Amino acid sequence: MIARLFAVLVVLLISVVLIAPASAEFRVESLDNDFPNEVSEAAADGKQLVIMFHQAGCPYCDKMRTRVFPDPKVDAYYSKKFVMIESNIRGNLDVVAPDGKAMTERKLAKKLRVRATPVFMFFDKKGKQALRLTGFLDADLFVRAGQYVADGVYEKNVSFYRYLKGAE
């Protein structure tokens, strides 16, 4: 009986080790959808916040989730530097917008003029919007976007597109 219990525990432990991600996940679910609070908590961990605006049925949102986010270079880089939260542009959940005002996800999307999805809004550690990108981004471009923000290039008045061309 004890041997069988021990065997079951060993199998469970091995399963947990094999299934657990190699690094901390950069995609999280906000408990209160208070974006200024999320910026502060991310900054306390030495990270920055990215909000991914999405909607149900968006093929490019799904493509980001299935092809780009699991990419090892994306996962490794973003897990060290960012926390990402998703917000549904047609959702009715209550949120606290980056400016501190309470509203629904839908109203926030309208206020921020988010129409197409996905839209990625990167915030610096003080809560200032550092970069906004719309549409599908391949793994390399998504990592470059993160580097642009994390390295503070946006503060040097260099556009993201100029940065990509090497004019930093």
C-alpha atoms as a PDB file:
ATOM      1  CA  MET A   1       0.000   0.000   0.000  1.00  0.00           C
ATOM      2  CA  ILE A   2       2.731   2.480   0.959  1.00  0.00           C
ATOM      3  CA  ALA A   3       4.789   1.489  -2.093  1.00  0.00           C
ATOM      4  CA  ARG A   4       1.783   2.124  -4.354  1.00  0.00           C
ATOM      5  CA  LEU A   5       1.131   5.523  -2.730  1.00  0.00           C
ATOM      6  CA  PHE A   6       4.804   6.419  -3.118  1.00  0.00           C
ATOM      7  CA  ALA A   7       4.689   5.425  -6.804  1.00  0.00           C
ATOM      8  CA  VAL A   8       1.635   7.594  -7.375  1.00  0.00           C
ATOM      9  CA  LEU A   9       3.325  10.566  -5.671  1.00  0.00           C
ATOM     10  CA  VAL A  10       6.450  10.094  -7.803  1.00  0.00           C
ATOM     11  CA  VAL A  11       4.362   9.999 -10.994  1.00  0.00           C
ATOM     12  CA  LEU A  12       2.501  13.166  -9.944  1.00  0.00           C
ATOM     13  CA  LEU A  13       5.742  14.960  -9.125  1.00  0.00           C
ATOM     14  CA  ILE A  14       7.274  14.020 -12.475  1.00  0.00           C
ATOM     15  CA  SER A  15       4.113  15.151 -14.262  1.00  0.00           C
ATOM     16  CA  VAL A  16       4.206  18.540 -12.551  1.00  0.00           C
ATOM     17  CA  VAL A  17       7.885  19.017 -13.413  1.00  0.00           C
ATOM     18  CA  LEU A  18       7.366  18.060 -17.059  1.00  0.00           C
ATOM     19  CA  ILE A  19       4.222  20.142 -17.519  1.00  0.00           C
ATOM     20  CA  ALA A  20       5.417  23.252 -15.668  1.00  0.00           C
ATOM     21  CA  PRO A  21       6.751  26.019 -17.907  1.00  0.00           C
ATOM     22  CA  ALA A  22      10.489  26.565 -17.954  1.00  0.00           C
ATOM     23  CA  SER A  23      10.072  30.224 -16.991  1.00  0.00           C
ATOM     24  CA  ALA A  24       7.563  32.496 -15.360  1.00  0.00           C
ATOM     25  CA  GLU A  25       4.685  33.167 -17.718  1.00  0.00           C
ATOM     26  CA  PHE A  26       4.527  36.731 -19.017  1.00  0.00           C
ATOM     27  CA  ARG A  27       0.800  36.464 -19.776  1.00  0.00           C
ATOM     28  CA  VAL A  28      -1.306  36.907 -16.668  1.00  0.00           C
ATOM     29  CA  GLU A  29      -4.938  37.385 -15.882  1.00  0.00           C
ATOM     30  CA  SER A  30      -5.670  40.536 -13.966  1.00  0.00           C
ATOM     31  CA  LEU A  31      -7.708  39.985 -10.846  1.00  0.00           C
ATOM     32  CA  ASP A  32      -9.123  43.499 -10.689  1.00  0.00           C
ATOM     33  CA  ASN A  33      -8.434  45.003 -14.157  1.00  0.00           C
ATOM     34  CA  ASP A  34      -6.934  48.053 -12.475  1.00  0.00           C
ATOM     35  CA  PHE A  35      -4.327  48.971 -15.071  1.00  0.00           C
ATOM     36  CA  PRO A  36      -2.487  51.659 -13.048  1.00  0.00           C
ATOM     37  CA  ASN A  37      -2.170  49.095 -10.247  1.00  0.00           C
ATOM     38  CA  GLU A  38      -0.890  46.523 -12.764  1.00  0.00           C
ATOM     39  CA  VAL A  39       1.754  49.019 -13.949  1.00  0.00           C
ATOM     40  CA  SER A  40       2.875  49.526 -10.324  1.00  0.00           C
ATOM     41  CA  GLU A  41       2.981  45.812  -9.553  1.00  0.00           C
ATOM     42  CA  ALA A  42       4.906  45.046 -12.737  1.00  0.00           C
ATOM     43  CA  ALA A  43       7.372  47.851 -11.947  1.00  0.00           C
ATOM     44  CA  ALA A  44       7.862  46.454  -8.443  1.00  0.00           C
ATOM     45  CA  ASP A  45       8.977  43.217 -10.140  1.00  0.00           C
ATOM     46  CA  GLY A  46      11.258  45.149 -12.497  1.00  0.00           C
ATOM     47  CA  LYS A  47       8.884  44.652 -15.417  1.00  0.00           C
ATOM     48  CA  GLN A  48       6.621  46.706 -17.650  1.00  0.00           C
ATOM     49  CA  LEU A  49       2.982  46.251 -18.613  1.00  0.00           C
ATOM     50  CA  VAL A  50       1.642  45.348 -22.044  1.00  0.00           C
ATOM     51  CA  ILE A  51      -2.102  45.304 -22.676  1.00  0.00           C
ATOM     52  CA  MET A  52      -3.267  43.175 -25.591  1.00  0.00           C
ATOM     53  CA  PHE A  53      -6.639  44.352 -26.823  1.00  0.00           C
ATOM     54  CA  HIS A  54      -8.480  41.492 -28.519  1.00  0.00           C
ATOM     55  CA  GLN A  55     -11.929  40.302 -29.497  1.00  0.00           C
ATOM     56  CA  ALA A  56     -13.584  36.910 -29.884  1.00  0.00           C
ATOM     57  CA  GLY A  57     -13.065  35.373 -33.286  1.00  0.00           C
ATOM     58  CA  CYS A  58     -10.005  37.464 -34.129  1.00  0.00           C
ATOM     59  CA  PRO A  59      -7.759  35.154 -36.191  1.00  0.00           C
ATOM     60  CA  TYR A  60      -4.676  37.336 -35.663  1.00  0.00           C
ATOM     61  CA  CYS A  61      -5.188  37.345 -31.885  1.00  0.00           C
ATOM     62  CA  ASP A  62      -5.399  33.551 -31.973  1.00  0.00           C
ATOM     63  CA  LYS A  63      -2.310  33.393 -34.183  1.00  0.00           C
ATOM     64  CA  MET A  64      -0.380  35.522 -31.663  1.00  0.00           C
ATOM     65  CA  ARG A  65      -1.432  33.193 -28.835  1.00  0.00           C
ATOM     66  CA  THR A  66      -0.633  29.948 -30.657  1.00  0.00           C
ATOM     67  CA  ARG A  67       2.428  30.855 -32.737  1.00  0.00           C
ATOM     68  CA  VAL A  68       4.168  33.884 -31.298  1.00  0.00           C
ATOM     69  CA  PHE A  69       3.753  33.838 -27.507  1.00  0.00           C
ATOM     70  CA  PRO A  70       4.980  30.220 -27.139  1.00  0.00           C
ATOM     71  CA  ASP A  71       8.079  30.927 -29.276  1.00  0.00           C
ATOM     72  CA  PRO A  72      11.089  30.315 -26.985  1.00  0.00           C
ATOM     73  CA  LYS A  73      12.741  33.677 -27.702  1.00  0.00           C
ATOM     74  CA  VAL A  74       9.465  35.561 -27.084  1.00  0.00           C
ATOM     75  CA  ASP A  75       8.736  33.623 -23.902  1.00  0.00           C
ATOM     76  CA  ALA A  76      12.274  34.057 -22.572  1.00  0.00           C
ATOM     77  CA  TYR A  77      12.459  37.779 -23.270  1.00  0.00           C
ATOM     78  CA  TYR A  78       8.950  38.765 -22.223  1.00  0.00           C
ATOM     79  CA  SER A  79       9.010  36.625 -19.088  1.00  0.00           C
ATOM     80  CA  LYS A  80      11.996  38.659 -17.867  1.00  0.00           C
ATOM     81  CA  LYS A  81      10.808  42.096 -18.938  1.00  0.00           C
ATOM     82  CA  PHE A  82       7.008  42.250 -19.192  1.00  0.00           C
ATOM     83  CA  VAL A  83       3.619  41.349 -17.789  1.00  0.00           C
ATOM     84  CA  MET A  84       0.875  41.128 -20.392  1.00  0.00           C
ATOM     85  CA  ILE A  85      -2.833  41.390 -19.722  1.00  0.00           C
ATOM     86  CA  GLU A  86      -5.580  40.934 -22.287  1.00  0.00           C
ATOM     87  CA  SER A  87      -8.616  43.181 -22.586  1.00  0.00           C
ATOM     88  CA  ASN A  88     -11.666  42.399 -24.731  1.00  0.00           C
ATOM     89  CA  ILE A  89     -12.685  45.411 -26.833  1.00  0.00           C
ATOM     90  CA  ARG A  90     -16.306  44.257 -26.707  1.00  0.00           C
ATOM     91  CA  GLY A  91     -16.218  43.213 -23.065  1.00  0.00           C
ATOM     92  CA  ASN A  92     -18.359  44.500 -20.239  1.00  0.00           C
ATOM     93  CA  LEU A  93     -15.918  43.890 -17.395  1.00  0.00           C
ATOM     94  CA  ASP A  94     -15.194  46.893 -15.236  1.00  0.00           C
ATOM     95  CA  VAL A  95     -11.665  48.227 -15.607  1.00  0.00           C
ATOM     96  CA  VAL A  96      -9.634  51.112 -14.324  1.00  0.00           C
ATOM     97  CA  ALA A  97      -8.120  52.787 -17.373  1.00  0.00           C
ATOM     98  CA  PRO A  98      -4.456  53.793 -17.484  1.00  0.00           C
ATOM     99  CA  ASP A  99      -5.543  57.358 -16.627  1.00  0.00           C
ATOM    100  CA  GLY A 100      -7.268  56.082 -13.456  1.00  0.00           C
ATOM    101  CA  LYS A 101     -10.891  56.409 -14.622  1.00  0.00           C
ATOM    102  CA  ALA A 102     -13.315  53.510 -14.098  1.00  0.00           C
ATOM    103  CA  MET A 103     -15.221  52.203 -17.122  1.00  0.00           C
ATOM    104  CA  THR A 104     -15.970  49.001 -19.033  1.00  0.00           C
ATOM    105  CA  GLU A 105     -13.523  47.287 -21.367  1.00  0.00           C
ATOM    106  CA  ARG A 106     -15.698  48.353 -24.298  1.00  0.00           C
ATOM    107  CA  LYS A 107     -15.634  52.021 -23.259  1.00  0.00           C
ATOM    108  CA  LEU A 108     -11.880  51.861 -22.693  1.00  0.00           C
ATOM    109  CA  ALA A 109     -11.353  50.474 -26.200  1.00  0.00           C
ATOM    110  CA  LYS A 110     -13.526  53.228 -27.651  1.00  0.00           C
ATOM    111  CA  LYS A 111     -11.712  55.898 -25.637  1.00  0.00           C
ATOM    112  CA  LEU A 112      -8.334  54.587 -26.827  1.00  0.00           C
ATOM    113  CA  ARG A 113      -9.642  54.226 -30.403  1.00  0.00           C
ATOM    114  CA  VAL A 114      -8.962  50.524 -30.551  1.00  0.00           C
ATOM    115  CA  ARG A 115     -10.942  49.188 -33.487  1.00  0.00           C
ATOM    116  CA  ALA A 116      -8.895  46.455 -35.149  1.00  0.00           C
ATOM    117  CA  THR A 117      -7.285  43.701 -33.126  1.00  0.00           C
ATOM    118  CA  PRO A 118      -4.869  42.781 -31.788  1.00  0.00           C
ATOM    119  CA  VAL A 119      -3.555  46.056 -30.449  1.00  0.00           C
ATOM    120  CA  PHE A 120      -0.560  46.011 -28.127  1.00  0.00           C
ATOM    121  CA  MET A 121      -0.074  48.954 -25.767  1.00  0.00           C
ATOM    122  CA  PHE A 122       3.245  48.983 -23.958  1.00  0.00           C
ATOM    123  CA  PHE A 123       3.593  51.103 -20.826  1.00  0.00           C
ATOM    124  CA  ASP A 124       6.740  52.253 -19.083  1.00  0.00           C
ATOM    125  CA  LYS A 125       7.218  51.771 -15.354  1.00  0.00           C
ATOM    126  CA  LYS A 126       5.555  55.125 -14.640  1.00  0.00           C
ATOM    127  CA  GLY A 127       2.397  54.236 -16.576  1.00  0.00           C
ATOM    128  CA  LYS A 128       3.166  56.338 -19.661  1.00  0.00           C
ATOM    129  CA  GLN A 129       2.265  54.715 -22.974  1.00  0.00           C
ATOM    130  CA  ALA A 130       5.569  53.915 -24.679  1.00  0.00           C
ATOM    131  CA  LEU A 131       4.425  52.101 -27.826  1.00  0.00           C
ATOM    132  CA  ARG A 132       1.221  51.094 -29.566  1.00  0.00           C
ATOM    133  CA  LEU A 133       1.189  48.488 -32.336  1.00  0.00           C
ATOM    134  CA  THR A 134      -1.772  47.092 -34.253  1.00  0.00           C
ATOM    135  CA  GLY A 135      -1.978  43.716 -35.953  1.00  0.00           C
ATOM    136  CA  PHE A 136      -0.127  40.442 -36.092  1.00  0.00           C
ATOM    137  CA  LEU A 137       3.564  40.633 -35.235  1.00  0.00           C
ATOM    138  CA  ASP A 138       5.923  37.734 -35.909  1.00  0.00           C
ATOM    139  CA  ALA A 139       8.171  36.568 -33.071  1.00  0.00           C
ATOM    140  CA  ASP A 140      11.184  38.640 -34.132  1.00  0.00           C
ATOM    141  CA  LEU A 141       9.165  41.843 -34.490  1.00  0.00           C
ATOM    142  CA  PHE A 142       7.398  41.251 -31.181  1.00  0.00           C
ATOM    143  CA  VAL A 143      10.753  40.843 -29.412  1.00  0.00           C
ATOM    144  CA  ARG A 144      12.091  43.996 -31.117  1.00  0.00           C
ATOM    145  CA  ALA A 145       9.006  45.892 -29.892  1.00  0.00           C
ATOM    146  CA  GLY A 146       9.761  44.734 -26.361  1.00  0.00           C
ATOM    147  CA  GLN A 147      13.401  45.768 -26.672  1.00  0.00           C
ATOM    148  CA  TYR A 148      12.382  49.189 -27.978  1.00  0.00           C
ATOM    149  CA  VAL A 149      10.323  49.765 -24.835  1.00  0.00           C
ATOM    150  CA  ALA A 150      12.484  47.975 -22.248  1.00  0.00           C
ATOM    151  CA  ASP A 151      15.646  49.702 -23.455  1.00  0.00           C
ATOM    152  CA  GLY A 152      13.965  53.113 -23.306  1.00  0.00           C
ATOM    153  CA  VAL A 153      14.489  53.911 -26.996  1.00  0.00           C
ATOM    154  CA  TYR A 154      11.030  55.510 -27.133  1.00  0.00           C
ATOM    155  CA  GLU A 155      12.315  58.197 -24.741  1.00  0.00           C
ATOM    156  CA  LYS A 156      14.917  59.316 -27.302  1.00  0.00           C
ATOM    157  CA  ASN A 157      12.278  60.498 -29.801  1.00  0.00           C
ATOM    158  CA  VAL A 158      13.188  57.672 -32.167  1.00  0.00           C
ATOM    159  CA  SER A 159      10.123  56.146 -33.784  1.00  0.00           C
ATOM    160  CA  PHE A 160       9.727  52.392 -33.627  1.00  0.00           C
ATOM    161  CA  TYR A 161       9.958  52.169 -37.401  1.00  0.00           C
ATOM    162  CA  ARG A 162      13.175  54.190 -37.478  1.00  0.00           C
ATOM    163  CA  TYR A 163      14.493  51.948 -34.669  1.00  0.00           C
ATOM    164  CA  LEU A 164      13.764  48.901 -36.809  1.00  0.00           C
ATOM    165  CA  LYS A 165      15.806  50.410 -39.638  1.00  0.00           C
ATOM    166  CA  GLY A 166      18.762  50.791 -37.287  1.00  0.00           C
ATOM    167  CA  ALA A 167      18.656  54.547 -36.780  1.00  0.00           C
ATOM    168  CA  GLU A 168      18.754  54.412 -32.998  1.00  0.00           C
END
